[in-house]
Amino acid sequence: MRALLWLLLLPALASAEIYRWTDANGQVHFGQRPAAAGAEKVEVKPQVVERDQLTRERQERTSRFYDARREEQAQASVVTAERQAKRAEECRELRSRLASIPEGRSYYRAEADGQRSYYSDKQVDTARLQLQNQVSERCS
C-alpha cells in the first residue's frame, strides 16, 4: 500500500518547483514559493537508490513472511466458515428433532421387528427437555 502511495506521489514530487534565495542577513533559504524577488529556481533530480544484497534479502524475507501470514489468515477464515456451517447444520438438526416431538401425542420408535415401542409421557418430556437444553447451549 505504501509503495502504491509513493508511486502516485512521485510525479507530483518530481514536478514540484524549488526556489532558493538569500535573505538580508546572508542566510540561504529554500522553499516551494519564491519569498524574495531574487529567488532562483533550483532543479532537483530524483536520486536513484541502489539496494545492497542484504537489503534485498531482508525485503524478500519480509515479503515471504507477510505472504505466509496472509495465507494463514485465509486458511483460518475457511476453517471458521466451515465450523460455523457445521454448527448451523447441527442447530437445524436439533431444532428439527425438537419439532418432531409432538405435543400431547404418543411418541414411539420403530423396533427391529417392525413393532412400535411407545415412550411414556415422562420419557417424552425428558427427551424434549434435553433437546431444548442442547438447542439453548449450542445455538444461542
N, C-alpha and C. Protein backbone atom coordinates (compact mmCIF):
# COMPACT_ATOMS: atom_id res chain seq x y z
N MET A 1 0.82 -1.18 0.00
CA MET A 1 0.00 0.00 0.00
C MET A 1 0.87 1.25 0.00
N ARG A 2 1.90 1.24 0.82
CA ARG A 2 2.80 2.41 0.87
C ARG A 2 3.52 2.59 -0.46
N ALA A 3 3.91 1.47 -1.07
CA ALA A 3 4.61 1.56 -2.35
C ALA A 3 3.70 2.20 -3.40
N LEU A 4 2.43 1.83 -3.38
CA LEU A 4 1.48 2.40 -4.32
C LEU A 4 1.32 3.90 -4.08
N LEU A 5 1.27 4.28 -2.82
CA LEU A 5 1.16 5.70 -2.48
C LEU A 5 2.37 6.47 -2.99
N TRP A 6 3.56 5.91 -2.81
CA TRP A 6 4.77 6.58 -3.29
C TRP A 6 4.76 6.69 -4.81
N LEU A 7 4.29 5.63 -5.48
CA LEU A 7 4.24 5.68 -6.94
C LEU A 7 3.30 6.76 -7.43
N LEU A 8 2.21 6.97 -6.69
CA LEU A 8 1.26 8.00 -7.07
C LEU A 8 1.81 9.40 -6.79
N LEU A 9 2.62 9.54 -5.75
CA LEU A 9 3.14 10.84 -5.36
C LEU A 9 4.42 11.24 -6.11
N LEU A 10 5.13 10.28 -6.67
CA LEU A 10 6.39 10.60 -7.34
C LEU A 10 6.24 11.62 -8.46
N PRO A 11 5.27 11.48 -9.35
CA PRO A 11 5.15 12.51 -10.39
C PRO A 11 4.88 13.90 -9.82
N ALA A 12 4.08 13.96 -8.76
CA ALA A 12 3.80 15.26 -8.14
C ALA A 12 5.06 15.84 -7.50
N LEU A 13 5.84 14.96 -6.86
CA LEU A 13 7.08 15.44 -6.24
C LEU A 13 8.10 15.85 -7.29
N ALA A 14 8.15 15.14 -8.38
CA ALA A 14 9.10 15.46 -9.42
C ALA A 14 8.77 16.78 -10.09
N SER A 15 7.50 17.12 -10.15
CA SER A 15 7.11 18.35 -10.82
C SER A 15 7.10 19.55 -9.86
N ALA A 16 7.37 19.33 -8.58
CA ALA A 16 7.38 20.43 -7.62
C ALA A 16 8.53 21.37 -7.93
N GLU A 17 8.27 22.66 -7.78
CA GLU A 17 9.31 23.65 -8.03
C GLU A 17 9.95 24.06 -6.70
N ILE A 18 11.26 24.13 -6.69
CA ILE A 18 12.01 24.53 -5.50
C ILE A 18 12.75 25.83 -5.83
N TYR A 19 12.65 26.77 -4.92
CA TYR A 19 13.30 28.06 -5.10
C TYR A 19 14.34 28.27 -4.00
N ARG A 20 15.41 28.99 -4.37
CA ARG A 20 16.50 29.29 -3.43
C ARG A 20 16.70 30.79 -3.43
N TRP A 21 16.86 31.34 -2.22
CA TRP A 21 17.13 32.78 -2.11
C TRP A 21 17.95 33.05 -0.85
N THR A 22 18.54 34.18 -0.84
CA THR A 22 19.35 34.62 0.29
C THR A 22 18.70 35.86 0.89
N ASP A 23 18.51 35.84 2.20
CA ASP A 23 17.86 36.99 2.85
C ASP A 23 18.88 38.10 3.14
N ALA A 24 18.42 39.15 3.78
CA ALA A 24 19.27 40.33 4.06
C ALA A 24 20.42 40.00 5.00
N ASN A 25 20.29 38.96 5.82
CA ASN A 25 21.35 38.56 6.75
C ASN A 25 22.33 37.57 6.13
N GLY A 26 22.15 37.24 4.87
CA GLY A 26 23.04 36.30 4.20
C GLY A 26 22.65 34.84 4.41
N GLN A 27 21.50 34.59 4.99
CA GLN A 27 21.00 33.24 5.26
C GLN A 27 20.37 32.68 3.98
N VAL A 28 20.74 31.46 3.60
CA VAL A 28 20.19 30.83 2.40
C VAL A 28 18.92 30.06 2.79
N HIS A 29 17.87 30.24 1.99
CA HIS A 29 16.59 29.58 2.25
C HIS A 29 16.14 28.83 1.00
N PHE A 30 15.35 27.78 1.23
CA PHE A 30 14.73 27.01 0.15
C PHE A 30 13.24 26.94 0.41
N GLY A 31 12.45 26.96 -0.65
CA GLY A 31 11.01 26.86 -0.47
C GLY A 31 10.31 26.52 -1.78
N GLN A 32 9.03 26.21 -1.69
CA GLN A 32 8.26 25.88 -2.88
C GLN A 32 7.73 27.14 -3.57
N ARG A 33 7.72 28.25 -2.86
CA ARG A 33 7.28 29.53 -3.42
C ARG A 33 8.41 30.53 -3.22
N PRO A 34 8.66 31.34 -4.20
CA PRO A 34 9.72 32.34 -4.03
C PRO A 34 9.29 33.41 -3.04
N ALA A 35 10.06 33.59 -2.00
CA ALA A 35 9.72 34.57 -0.97
C ALA A 35 10.38 35.92 -1.24
N ALA A 36 11.39 35.94 -2.05
CA ALA A 36 12.10 37.19 -2.34
C ALA A 36 12.14 37.40 -3.85
N ALA A 37 12.40 38.61 -4.24
CA ALA A 37 12.42 38.93 -5.67
C ALA A 37 13.60 38.28 -6.37
N GLY A 38 14.68 38.05 -5.67
CA GLY A 38 15.86 37.48 -6.30
C GLY A 38 15.94 35.96 -6.19
N ALA A 39 14.81 35.28 -5.96
CA ALA A 39 14.82 33.83 -5.79
C ALA A 39 15.06 33.16 -7.13
N GLU A 40 15.90 32.16 -7.14
CA GLU A 40 16.17 31.42 -8.37
C GLU A 40 15.60 30.01 -8.26
N LYS A 41 15.13 29.51 -9.36
CA LYS A 41 14.56 28.16 -9.41
C LYS A 41 15.69 27.14 -9.42
N VAL A 42 15.54 26.11 -8.56
CA VAL A 42 16.56 25.07 -8.46
C VAL A 42 16.01 23.79 -9.06
N GLU A 43 16.79 23.16 -9.90
CA GLU A 43 16.36 21.89 -10.50
C GLU A 43 16.80 20.75 -9.59
N VAL A 44 15.84 19.96 -9.17
CA VAL A 44 16.12 18.84 -8.27
C VAL A 44 15.92 17.56 -9.05
N LYS A 45 16.95 16.77 -9.11
CA LYS A 45 16.88 15.49 -9.83
C LYS A 45 16.64 14.38 -8.82
N PRO A 46 15.72 13.47 -9.13
CA PRO A 46 15.48 12.37 -8.19
C PRO A 46 16.72 11.49 -8.06
N GLN A 47 16.92 11.02 -6.87
CA GLN A 47 18.08 10.18 -6.59
C GLN A 47 17.67 8.72 -6.74
N VAL A 48 18.44 7.98 -7.47
CA VAL A 48 18.20 6.55 -7.63
C VAL A 48 18.96 5.83 -6.53
N VAL A 49 18.24 5.06 -5.77
CA VAL A 49 18.84 4.36 -4.64
C VAL A 49 19.02 2.89 -5.03
N GLU A 50 20.23 2.45 -5.02
CA GLU A 50 20.51 1.04 -5.27
C GLU A 50 20.54 0.33 -3.92
N ARG A 51 19.84 -0.76 -3.87
CA ARG A 51 19.81 -1.53 -2.62
C ARG A 51 20.89 -2.60 -2.67
N ASP A 52 21.55 -2.79 -1.55
CA ASP A 52 22.57 -3.82 -1.50
C ASP A 52 21.92 -5.19 -1.34
N GLN A 53 22.71 -6.22 -1.42
CA GLN A 53 22.21 -7.59 -1.38
C GLN A 53 21.49 -7.89 -0.07
N LEU A 54 22.04 -7.45 1.06
CA LEU A 54 21.41 -7.71 2.35
C LEU A 54 20.03 -7.06 2.45
N THR A 55 19.91 -5.86 1.93
CA THR A 55 18.62 -5.17 1.96
C THR A 55 17.61 -5.90 1.09
N ARG A 56 18.02 -6.32 -0.09
CA ARG A 56 17.11 -7.07 -0.97
C ARG A 56 16.68 -8.38 -0.32
N GLU A 57 17.63 -9.08 0.33
CA GLU A 57 17.28 -10.33 1.01
C GLU A 57 16.32 -10.09 2.17
N ARG A 58 16.56 -9.02 2.93
CA ARG A 58 15.66 -8.69 4.04
C ARG A 58 14.25 -8.36 3.53
N GLN A 59 14.18 -7.62 2.45
CA GLN A 59 12.87 -7.30 1.87
C GLN A 59 12.17 -8.57 1.36
N GLU A 60 12.93 -9.47 0.79
CA GLU A 60 12.35 -10.73 0.31
C GLU A 60 11.83 -11.58 1.48
N ARG A 61 12.60 -11.65 2.57
CA ARG A 61 12.14 -12.40 3.76
C ARG A 61 10.88 -11.78 4.33
N THR A 62 10.86 -10.46 4.38
CA THR A 62 9.68 -9.76 4.89
C THR A 62 8.47 -10.04 4.01
N SER A 63 8.69 -10.00 2.73
CA SER A 63 7.59 -10.28 1.79
C SER A 63 7.08 -11.71 1.95
N ARG A 64 8.00 -12.66 2.09
CA ARG A 64 7.58 -14.06 2.29
C ARG A 64 6.82 -14.22 3.59
N PHE A 65 7.29 -13.53 4.65
CA PHE A 65 6.61 -13.59 5.94
C PHE A 65 5.17 -13.09 5.82
N TYR A 66 4.99 -11.92 5.20
CA TYR A 66 3.65 -11.36 5.08
C TYR A 66 2.77 -12.21 4.16
N ASP A 67 3.35 -12.79 3.12
CA ASP A 67 2.57 -13.69 2.26
C ASP A 67 2.11 -14.92 3.04
N ALA A 68 3.01 -15.47 3.85
CA ALA A 68 2.65 -16.64 4.66
C ALA A 68 1.58 -16.28 5.68
N ARG A 69 1.70 -15.10 6.26
CA ARG A 69 0.70 -14.64 7.24
C ARG A 69 -0.67 -14.47 6.58
N ARG A 70 -0.70 -13.89 5.40
CA ARG A 70 -1.98 -13.74 4.68
C ARG A 70 -2.58 -15.10 4.35
N GLU A 71 -1.74 -16.06 3.98
CA GLU A 71 -2.22 -17.42 3.68
C GLU A 71 -2.80 -18.07 4.93
N GLU A 72 -2.10 -17.91 6.07
CA GLU A 72 -2.62 -18.46 7.33
C GLU A 72 -3.97 -17.85 7.68
N GLN A 73 -4.11 -16.55 7.50
CA GLN A 73 -5.38 -15.89 7.80
C GLN A 73 -6.49 -16.38 6.87
N ALA A 74 -6.16 -16.60 5.61
CA ALA A 74 -7.16 -17.11 4.67
C ALA A 74 -7.59 -18.52 5.07
N GLN A 75 -6.63 -19.36 5.44
CA GLN A 75 -6.97 -20.71 5.88
C GLN A 75 -7.80 -20.68 7.16
N ALA A 76 -7.44 -19.80 8.08
CA ALA A 76 -8.21 -19.70 9.32
C ALA A 76 -9.63 -19.25 9.06
N SER A 77 -9.82 -18.35 8.12
CA SER A 77 -11.19 -17.92 7.81
C SER A 77 -11.98 -19.03 7.15
N VAL A 78 -11.33 -19.88 6.37
CA VAL A 78 -12.02 -21.03 5.77
C VAL A 78 -12.44 -22.01 6.85
N VAL A 79 -11.53 -22.27 7.80
CA VAL A 79 -11.84 -23.19 8.90
C VAL A 79 -12.99 -22.64 9.74
N THR A 80 -12.95 -21.34 10.01
CA THR A 80 -14.02 -20.71 10.79
C THR A 80 -15.35 -20.81 10.07
N ALA A 81 -15.34 -20.58 8.77
CA ALA A 81 -16.58 -20.68 7.99
C ALA A 81 -17.12 -22.12 8.00
N GLU A 82 -16.21 -23.09 7.91
CA GLU A 82 -16.65 -24.49 7.96
C GLU A 82 -17.25 -24.83 9.33
N ARG A 83 -16.61 -24.33 10.40
CA ARG A 83 -17.15 -24.56 11.74
C ARG A 83 -18.54 -23.94 11.91
N GLN A 84 -18.70 -22.74 11.41
CA GLN A 84 -19.99 -22.06 11.52
C GLN A 84 -21.05 -22.81 10.73
N ALA A 85 -20.71 -23.30 9.55
CA ALA A 85 -21.66 -24.05 8.74
C ALA A 85 -22.03 -25.37 9.44
N LYS A 86 -21.03 -26.02 10.04
CA LYS A 86 -21.29 -27.26 10.76
C LYS A 86 -22.21 -27.02 11.96
N ARG A 87 -21.94 -25.94 12.71
CA ARG A 87 -22.77 -25.62 13.86
C ARG A 87 -24.19 -25.26 13.43
N ALA A 88 -24.33 -24.53 12.32
CA ALA A 88 -25.66 -24.17 11.83
C ALA A 88 -26.43 -25.43 11.43
N GLU A 89 -25.76 -26.38 10.80
CA GLU A 89 -26.41 -27.64 10.43
C GLU A 89 -26.82 -28.42 11.68
N GLU A 90 -25.94 -28.45 12.67
CA GLU A 90 -26.25 -29.13 13.93
C GLU A 90 -27.47 -28.49 14.60
N CYS A 91 -27.54 -27.17 14.57
CA CYS A 91 -28.69 -26.47 15.17
C CYS A 91 -29.98 -26.78 14.41
N ARG A 92 -29.89 -26.81 13.09
CA ARG A 92 -31.09 -27.17 12.30
C ARG A 92 -31.56 -28.57 12.65
N GLU A 93 -30.61 -29.49 12.80
CA GLU A 93 -30.95 -30.88 13.14
C GLU A 93 -31.60 -30.95 14.52
N LEU A 94 -31.01 -30.26 15.50
CA LEU A 94 -31.58 -30.29 16.86
C LEU A 94 -32.98 -29.68 16.88
N ARG A 95 -33.15 -28.56 16.18
CA ARG A 95 -34.47 -27.92 16.15
C ARG A 95 -35.49 -28.79 15.43
N SER A 96 -35.04 -29.47 14.40
CA SER A 96 -35.93 -30.38 13.68
C SER A 96 -36.36 -31.54 14.57
N ARG A 97 -35.39 -32.09 15.30
CA ARG A 97 -35.73 -33.19 16.21
C ARG A 97 -36.67 -32.72 17.31
N LEU A 98 -36.43 -31.49 17.83
CA LEU A 98 -37.31 -30.94 18.86
C LEU A 98 -38.72 -30.72 18.32
N ALA A 99 -38.81 -30.24 17.09
CA ALA A 99 -40.13 -30.00 16.49
C ALA A 99 -40.85 -31.30 16.17
N SER A 100 -40.09 -32.39 16.01
CA SER A 100 -40.73 -33.66 15.66
C SER A 100 -41.37 -34.35 16.87
N ILE A 101 -41.06 -33.86 18.08
CA ILE A 101 -41.70 -34.44 19.27
C ILE A 101 -43.07 -33.77 19.40
N PRO A 102 -44.11 -34.50 19.14
CA PRO A 102 -45.44 -33.89 19.16
C PRO A 102 -45.90 -33.57 20.59
N GLU A 103 -46.64 -32.49 20.72
CA GLU A 103 -47.22 -32.09 22.00
C GLU A 103 -48.51 -32.87 22.22
N GLY A 104 -48.59 -33.58 23.32
CA GLY A 104 -49.83 -34.26 23.69
C GLY A 104 -50.16 -35.48 22.85
N ARG A 105 -49.23 -35.92 22.01
CA ARG A 105 -49.50 -37.13 21.22
C ARG A 105 -48.48 -38.20 21.59
N SER A 106 -48.77 -39.41 21.21
CA SER A 106 -47.86 -40.50 21.56
C SER A 106 -46.63 -40.45 20.66
N TYR A 107 -45.51 -40.78 21.25
CA TYR A 107 -44.23 -40.73 20.58
C TYR A 107 -43.63 -42.13 20.67
N TYR A 108 -43.11 -42.63 19.54
CA TYR A 108 -42.62 -44.01 19.54
C TYR A 108 -41.37 -44.13 18.69
N ARG A 109 -40.75 -45.30 18.82
CA ARG A 109 -39.63 -45.65 17.95
C ARG A 109 -39.93 -47.01 17.36
N ALA A 110 -39.46 -47.22 16.15
CA ALA A 110 -39.70 -48.50 15.48
C ALA A 110 -38.60 -49.48 15.90
N GLU A 111 -39.02 -50.67 16.32
CA GLU A 111 -38.07 -51.71 16.71
C GLU A 111 -37.59 -52.45 15.47
N ALA A 112 -36.62 -53.33 15.65
CA ALA A 112 -36.06 -54.09 14.54
C ALA A 112 -37.09 -55.00 13.90
N ASP A 113 -38.03 -55.51 14.68
CA ASP A 113 -39.03 -56.43 14.14
C ASP A 113 -40.23 -55.69 13.54
N GLY A 114 -40.18 -54.33 13.51
CA GLY A 114 -41.27 -53.57 12.93
C GLY A 114 -42.31 -53.12 13.93
N GLN A 115 -42.22 -53.58 15.15
CA GLN A 115 -43.18 -53.18 16.18
C GLN A 115 -42.84 -51.77 16.67
N ARG A 116 -43.86 -51.09 17.15
CA ARG A 116 -43.66 -49.76 17.72
C ARG A 116 -43.51 -49.88 19.22
N SER A 117 -42.51 -49.14 19.72
CA SER A 117 -42.29 -49.08 21.15
C SER A 117 -42.58 -47.65 21.58
N TYR A 118 -43.68 -47.45 22.34
CA TYR A 118 -44.13 -46.11 22.70
C TYR A 118 -43.38 -45.62 23.94
N TYR A 119 -43.09 -44.30 23.92
CA TYR A 119 -42.46 -43.64 25.06
C TYR A 119 -43.55 -43.22 26.05
N SER A 120 -43.18 -43.22 27.32
CA SER A 120 -44.11 -42.71 28.33
C SER A 120 -44.08 -41.18 28.29
N ASP A 121 -45.05 -40.55 28.93
CA ASP A 121 -45.08 -39.08 28.97
C ASP A 121 -43.81 -38.53 29.62
N LYS A 122 -43.34 -39.21 30.63
CA LYS A 122 -42.13 -38.77 31.33
C LYS A 122 -40.92 -38.85 30.40
N GLN A 123 -40.81 -39.91 29.61
CA GLN A 123 -39.70 -40.06 28.68
C GLN A 123 -39.76 -39.00 27.57
N VAL A 124 -40.96 -38.68 27.10
CA VAL A 124 -41.13 -37.65 26.08
C VAL A 124 -40.72 -36.30 26.64
N ASP A 125 -41.17 -36.00 27.87
CA ASP A 125 -40.81 -34.73 28.49
C ASP A 125 -39.30 -34.63 28.71
N THR A 126 -38.67 -35.72 29.12
CA THR A 126 -37.22 -35.74 29.33
C THR A 126 -36.49 -35.51 28.00
N ALA A 127 -36.92 -36.19 26.95
CA ALA A 127 -36.30 -36.01 25.63
C ALA A 127 -36.46 -34.57 25.14
N ARG A 128 -37.66 -34.01 25.32
CA ARG A 128 -37.91 -32.63 24.90
C ARG A 128 -37.01 -31.67 25.69
N LEU A 129 -36.91 -31.88 26.99
CA LEU A 129 -36.08 -31.01 27.82
C LEU A 129 -34.60 -31.10 27.43
N GLN A 130 -34.13 -32.32 27.15
CA GLN A 130 -32.73 -32.49 26.73
C GLN A 130 -32.47 -31.76 25.41
N LEU A 131 -33.39 -31.90 24.47
CA LEU A 131 -33.22 -31.21 23.18
C LEU A 131 -33.27 -29.69 23.35
N GLN A 132 -34.17 -29.21 24.20
CA GLN A 132 -34.24 -27.77 24.44
C GLN A 132 -32.93 -27.26 25.06
N ASN A 133 -32.38 -28.02 25.99
CA ASN A 133 -31.10 -27.63 26.60
C ASN A 133 -29.98 -27.62 25.57
N GLN A 134 -29.94 -28.62 24.70
CA GLN A 134 -28.91 -28.68 23.66
C GLN A 134 -29.05 -27.50 22.70
N VAL A 135 -30.29 -27.18 22.34
CA VAL A 135 -30.51 -26.05 21.43
C VAL A 135 -30.05 -24.75 22.11
N SER A 136 -30.40 -24.55 23.38
CA SER A 136 -30.01 -23.32 24.07
C SER A 136 -28.49 -23.22 24.26
N GLU A 137 -27.81 -24.35 24.46
CA GLU A 137 -26.35 -24.33 24.65
C GLU A 137 -25.62 -24.09 23.35
N ARG A 138 -26.02 -24.78 22.30
CA ARG A 138 -25.25 -24.78 21.05
C ARG A 138 -25.72 -23.76 20.02
N CYS A 139 -26.93 -23.28 20.16
CA CYS A 139 -27.49 -22.44 19.09
C CYS A 139 -27.81 -21.03 19.55
N SER A 140 -27.21 -20.58 20.61
CA SER A 140 -27.54 -19.23 21.09
C SER A 140 -26.74 -18.18 20.35
